[in-house]
Amino acid sequence: MADRSAEPWYPTAAYLYVLHLDSLALAWEYLRRHPDYRLDWLHHHRRPQAANCWGLRLLEDPALDAREAHPAWLPGHAAVAQLYPDADPPQDATAFAFWRIPGHKQLLHDGKGLALIARSPGHCLRFALAPGLEDGMAVAYAHRGGAVAPARDHALSGGLADAKPRPTPAALLELHTLQALDATLAGASLRDVGGGLFGADAVADWYSDGGLRSKVRRLVRRGDALMRGGYRRLAQLPPLEKGRFDADAKRP
């Protein structure tokens, strides 16, 4: 087995931030690895129309991971809460208190309107701010049907705890999938991937341990599928139509 320990994908610690990403941030992590997306960024990032086929309003720099990037997804994700000035507020109405929203806050214009992202350990709150909403105003809170939204008063007044939760099995799966995807994009063999994820001792009997080989193969296939269109499910976008971005499609 080749010594891959010096390669960027090898240390699992570099992927620990993935454990606390929400579905939209995970969608970006898979999309930014797509070779065709990276080419589009190089050649067409000044053309907004080039972004729509990827589910974005604007192309985002794929060199930025989910901690730094601000991808402007097309609208429709249930995790994004809509905030409006309350035209007829009750006496106990919740006020929009920007500085009391927990976490590291980022305001950005996504090409359509003003968005607010607030990140804290284990939590990511996303808001779409209506024109005219100002700090201290009574606020009306809405989310798309069927969504499980954060409690309004707690989310807007700083009631979320800052404790770091134990990683879930689903979060660990995403960490291993992204690490395996990066390894294969870098040319690593399945055995190399297994050594990076589970240690050199785990792959010492690689050819006799079919279970481990199958597990690594599933991770690699899952990562490739999510990169090549599966990320759209995470971002709650319509499925990718068959065309230039299929795995078997050829660029002109």
Foldseek 3Di string as FASTA:
>chain_A
DDPCCPPPLQALVVLVVLLQDALLLLLLLLQLPQPVLQVCCVPPQVPQVVCVLVQFSGRWHSVDHSVPIDTHGDDDDQQEKEKDFDPDADPPFAFQAPVQQDADWDWDQRPPAIKIWGDAANDIHIYTYDPPRDGGGRMDIDGDPPHDYPDVNCRRRNNDDRDHDDRDPVSVLSSLLSSLQVCVVVPHDLLSSLCSVPNPVVCPVVVVPVPSSVVSVVSNVVSVVSSLFVSCVSVVHPGNDDDQSHPPHDDD
